[in-house]
Amino acid sequence: MVGFLIFGSMSASAVVVAREVEEDVMEVQLATEPEPEPEPEPLQLEPEQKPKLQRLRDPTEIPDDAPAEKDPTGDPGGDDPYANYTQSETVQAPVKAVVEAPPPPKPKPVAPPRPKIMRVTEDVAAPVPVSQAQPSYPDDARARGIEGTVVVKYVVDETGKVSAAKVVRGPQELHAACLAAMKTWRFQPATLDGKPVSVYRVARFPFHLKT
């Protein structure tokens, strides 16, 4: 009896448990998350359509060296756009006419400066004597029998006076007498274009003893 009851109670418990399990357990189908769509691939441009952008950079240094000049021997190099031009294709720049400046006017001839002392010529009128005292024969030269001709070169200035005199030749003993006499000479001065000028003159003084 007891065993029946135990069995019965166990059976009853088992049934109850089974019922509880059947009531509590539910078949629930979990909703599956949708798989993420694959990211679209980036659009690739064709090589000829792909824009090429170049970033301009500021120069950091300025070169000190001057650019190399091209070879003057005639080799234009690969960068010369006119390297393959023929002579007929070469365009010559128009030649500008060069207008020469007129020559400067010739300077007017300047008359040479007039010498302070001139010579008597066709243009220079000779001085006219006003007074000409003759030298006396020195007694010492006469006593010694000295004779000869004294030649003196002298200058008549603008006032008509003898401003200078120099013996060119003649006996030494007769020089002083000639120069002393010539200091007293007076003239109307020589003229050039109506103006008085100084001129050179020559005088001769003969000294001869009477026999």
Protein backbone atom coordinates (compact mmCIF):
# COMPACT_ATOMS: atom_id res chain seq x y z
CA MET A 1 0.00 0.00 0.00
CA VAL A 2 2.68 2.25 0.94
CA GLY A 3 4.53 1.32 -2.14
CA PHE A 4 1.51 2.05 -4.20
CA LEU A 5 1.13 5.32 -2.62
CA ILE A 6 4.74 6.07 -3.23
CA PHE A 7 4.46 4.98 -6.76
CA GLY A 8 1.24 6.81 -7.07
CA SER A 9 2.72 9.89 -5.63
CA MET A 10 5.76 9.57 -7.83
CA SER A 11 3.52 9.07 -10.79
CA ALA A 12 1.45 12.01 -9.86
CA SER A 13 4.56 14.09 -9.42
CA ALA A 14 5.90 12.93 -12.68
CA VAL A 15 2.77 13.85 -14.44
CA VAL A 16 2.69 17.21 -12.84
CA VAL A 17 6.26 17.88 -13.74
CA ALA A 18 5.64 16.77 -17.24
CA ARG A 19 2.68 19.02 -17.50
CA GLU A 20 4.61 21.92 -16.09
CA VAL A 21 7.36 21.33 -18.59
CA GLU A 22 4.92 21.06 -21.40
CA GLU A 23 3.22 24.26 -20.29
CA ASP A 24 6.38 26.25 -19.65
CA VAL A 25 8.48 25.20 -22.65
CA MET A 26 7.58 26.99 -25.79
CA GLU A 27 9.14 26.67 -29.09
CA VAL A 28 10.28 30.12 -29.97
CA GLN A 29 12.00 30.65 -33.24
CA LEU A 30 14.43 33.53 -32.86
CA ALA A 31 14.41 36.04 -35.61
CA THR A 32 17.67 35.97 -37.45
CA GLU A 33 19.32 39.31 -38.14
CA PRO A 34 19.63 40.12 -41.81
CA GLU A 35 23.12 39.80 -43.13
CA PRO A 36 24.71 43.25 -43.82
CA GLU A 37 24.81 44.22 -47.43
CA PRO A 38 28.27 44.39 -48.90
CA GLU A 39 29.66 47.94 -49.19
CA PRO A 40 29.72 49.21 -52.74
CA GLU A 41 33.16 49.30 -54.32
CA PRO A 42 34.57 52.82 -54.99
CA LEU A 43 34.06 54.14 -58.44
CA GLN A 44 37.23 53.86 -60.46
CA LEU A 45 37.78 56.15 -63.39
CA GLU A 46 39.43 55.09 -66.54
CA PRO A 47 43.13 56.06 -66.77
CA GLU A 48 42.48 58.62 -69.50
CA GLN A 49 39.56 60.15 -67.58
CA LYS A 50 41.21 60.28 -64.20
CA PRO A 51 41.94 63.95 -63.45
CA LYS A 52 45.51 64.71 -62.60
CA LEU A 53 45.80 67.42 -60.06
CA GLN A 54 49.20 68.81 -59.23
CA ARG A 55 49.78 70.81 -56.19
CA LEU A 56 51.86 73.88 -56.69
CA ARG A 57 54.67 74.20 -54.23
CA ASP A 58 56.28 77.45 -53.23
CA PRO A 59 59.99 77.51 -54.05
CA THR A 60 62.05 77.16 -50.94
CA GLU A 61 65.30 78.41 -52.49
CA ILE A 62 66.18 80.69 -55.35
CA PRO A 63 69.19 79.44 -57.31
CA ASP A 64 72.06 81.90 -57.60
CA ASP A 65 73.48 80.42 -60.79
CA ALA A 66 72.38 81.93 -64.07
CA PRO A 67 70.65 79.54 -66.48
CA ALA A 68 73.05 77.85 -68.83
CA GLU A 69 73.18 79.38 -72.27
CA LYS A 70 72.54 77.31 -75.30
CA ASP A 71 75.39 76.07 -77.39
CA PRO A 72 76.27 78.90 -79.87
CA THR A 73 77.81 76.42 -82.31
CA GLY A 74 74.43 75.71 -83.87
CA ASP A 75 73.25 72.60 -82.01
CA PRO A 76 69.79 73.65 -80.85
CA GLY A 77 69.22 70.61 -78.62
CA GLY A 78 66.05 68.68 -78.05
CA ASP A 79 64.06 71.53 -76.54
CA ASP A 80 64.46 73.96 -79.42
CA PRO A 81 61.15 74.09 -81.35
CA TYR A 82 62.95 75.57 -84.36
CA ALA A 83 65.59 72.85 -84.59
CA ASN A 84 63.97 71.07 -87.54
CA TYR A 85 62.96 74.20 -89.46
CA THR A 86 64.44 74.66 -92.87
CA GLN A 87 65.71 77.95 -94.19
CA SER A 88 62.51 78.54 -96.13
CA GLU A 89 60.43 78.02 -92.99
CA THR A 90 62.47 80.39 -90.88
CA VAL A 91 60.65 83.65 -90.29
CA GLN A 92 62.97 86.60 -90.13
CA ALA A 93 62.12 89.51 -87.91
CA PRO A 94 61.65 92.81 -89.72
CA VAL A 95 64.77 94.92 -89.72
CA LYS A 96 64.25 98.34 -88.28
CA ALA A 97 65.76 101.18 -90.22
CA VAL A 98 68.50 102.91 -88.30
CA VAL A 99 68.36 106.64 -88.68
CA GLU A 100 71.74 108.18 -88.12
CA ALA A 101 71.84 111.37 -86.17
CA PRO A 102 73.07 114.36 -88.13
CA PRO A 103 76.71 115.17 -87.47
CA PRO A 104 77.29 117.96 -85.01
CA PRO A 105 78.00 121.33 -86.58
CA LYS A 106 81.62 122.07 -87.14
CA PRO A 107 83.04 124.59 -84.69
CA LYS A 108 83.68 127.98 -86.11
CA PRO A 109 87.34 128.61 -86.82
CA VAL A 110 88.89 130.55 -84.02
CA ALA A 111 91.46 133.13 -84.95
CA PRO A 112 94.84 132.39 -83.40
CA PRO A 113 95.69 134.67 -80.55
CA ARG A 114 97.49 137.79 -81.64
CA PRO A 115 101.15 137.77 -80.60
CA LYS A 116 102.16 140.48 -78.23
CA ILE A 117 104.93 141.61 -80.57
CA MET A 118 104.38 141.37 -84.33
CA ARG A 119 106.44 141.84 -87.46
CA VAL A 120 105.82 144.55 -90.03
CA THR A 121 103.92 142.96 -92.94
CA GLU A 122 101.40 144.01 -95.58
CA ASP A 123 98.70 144.00 -92.93
CA VAL A 124 100.77 145.69 -90.24
CA ALA A 125 101.77 149.27 -90.93
CA ALA A 126 105.31 150.17 -89.86
CA PRO A 127 105.86 152.72 -87.10
CA VAL A 128 106.72 156.23 -88.28
CA PRO A 129 109.83 157.88 -86.68
CA VAL A 130 109.21 161.09 -84.76
CA SER A 131 112.67 161.60 -83.29
CA GLN A 132 115.80 159.46 -83.76
CA ALA A 133 118.99 160.80 -82.12
CA GLN A 134 122.17 159.21 -83.50
CA PRO A 135 124.76 157.73 -81.13
CA SER A 136 128.05 159.61 -80.68
CA TYR A 137 131.37 158.00 -81.42
CA PRO A 138 132.93 156.95 -78.13
CA ASP A 139 136.28 158.78 -77.54
CA ASP A 140 137.96 155.64 -76.25
CA ALA A 141 136.92 153.64 -79.33
CA ARG A 142 137.97 156.51 -81.62
CA ALA A 143 141.38 156.79 -79.94
CA ARG A 144 141.91 153.08 -80.32
CA GLY A 145 140.80 153.16 -83.93
CA ILE A 146 137.86 150.86 -83.43
CA GLU A 147 135.45 150.86 -86.37
CA GLY A 148 132.49 148.77 -87.44
CA THR A 149 128.70 148.57 -87.80
CA VAL A 150 126.48 147.83 -84.82
CA VAL A 151 123.20 145.99 -85.55
CA VAL A 152 120.44 146.31 -82.93
CA LYS A 153 117.07 144.57 -82.81
CA TYR A 154 114.47 146.56 -80.87
CA VAL A 155 110.73 146.76 -80.11
CA VAL A 156 108.43 149.74 -80.63
CA ASP A 157 105.40 149.33 -78.34
CA GLU A 158 101.80 150.59 -78.72
CA THR A 159 102.77 154.01 -77.34
CA GLY A 160 105.61 154.51 -79.84
CA LYS A 161 108.48 154.07 -77.35
CA VAL A 162 111.40 151.64 -77.63
CA SER A 163 110.53 149.12 -74.93
CA ALA A 164 113.42 146.69 -75.58
CA ALA A 165 116.68 146.60 -77.52
CA LYS A 166 119.38 143.97 -78.08
CA VAL A 167 122.67 144.22 -79.99
CA VAL A 168 122.93 141.47 -82.58
CA ARG A 169 126.49 142.17 -83.75
CA GLY A 170 129.18 144.86 -83.83
CA PRO A 171 132.22 145.92 -81.78
CA GLN A 172 131.65 145.58 -78.05
CA GLU A 173 133.08 149.07 -77.37
CA LEU A 174 130.27 150.66 -79.42
CA HIS A 175 127.25 148.86 -77.88
CA ALA A 176 126.57 151.17 -74.97
CA ALA A 177 126.53 154.32 -77.15
CA CYS A 178 123.95 152.80 -79.51
CA LEU A 179 121.60 151.55 -76.77
CA ALA A 180 121.71 154.86 -74.91
CA ALA A 181 120.70 156.79 -78.04
CA MET A 182 117.83 154.42 -78.87
CA LYS A 183 116.17 154.92 -75.48
CA THR A 184 115.28 158.44 -76.61
CA TRP A 185 113.63 157.43 -79.86
CA ARG A 186 109.95 158.11 -80.42
CA PHE A 187 107.55 156.80 -83.11
CA GLN A 188 103.99 156.85 -84.21
CA PRO A 189 103.11 153.24 -83.27
CA ALA A 190 102.52 150.54 -85.84
CA THR A 191 98.88 149.67 -86.53
CA LEU A 192 96.82 146.63 -87.48
CA ASP A 193 93.25 147.27 -88.64
CA GLY A 194 93.63 150.79 -87.28
CA LYS A 195 94.71 149.64 -83.82
CA PRO A 196 98.24 150.27 -82.42
CA VAL A 197 100.41 147.18 -81.96
CA SER A 198 103.97 146.41 -80.86
CA VAL A 199 106.43 145.44 -83.58
CA TYR A 200 110.01 144.28 -84.03
CA ARG A 201 112.46 146.57 -85.84
CA VAL A 202 116.17 146.45 -86.73
CA ALA A 203 118.59 149.43 -86.74
CA ARG A 204 122.18 149.66 -88.09
CA PHE A 205 124.82 152.12 -86.81
CA PRO A 206 128.02 152.44 -88.91
CA PHE A 207 131.15 153.79 -87.15
CA HIS A 208 134.03 154.87 -89.42
CA LEU A 209 137.03 157.08 -88.73
CA LYS A 210 137.79 159.91 -91.15
CA THR A 211 141.16 159.77 -92.82
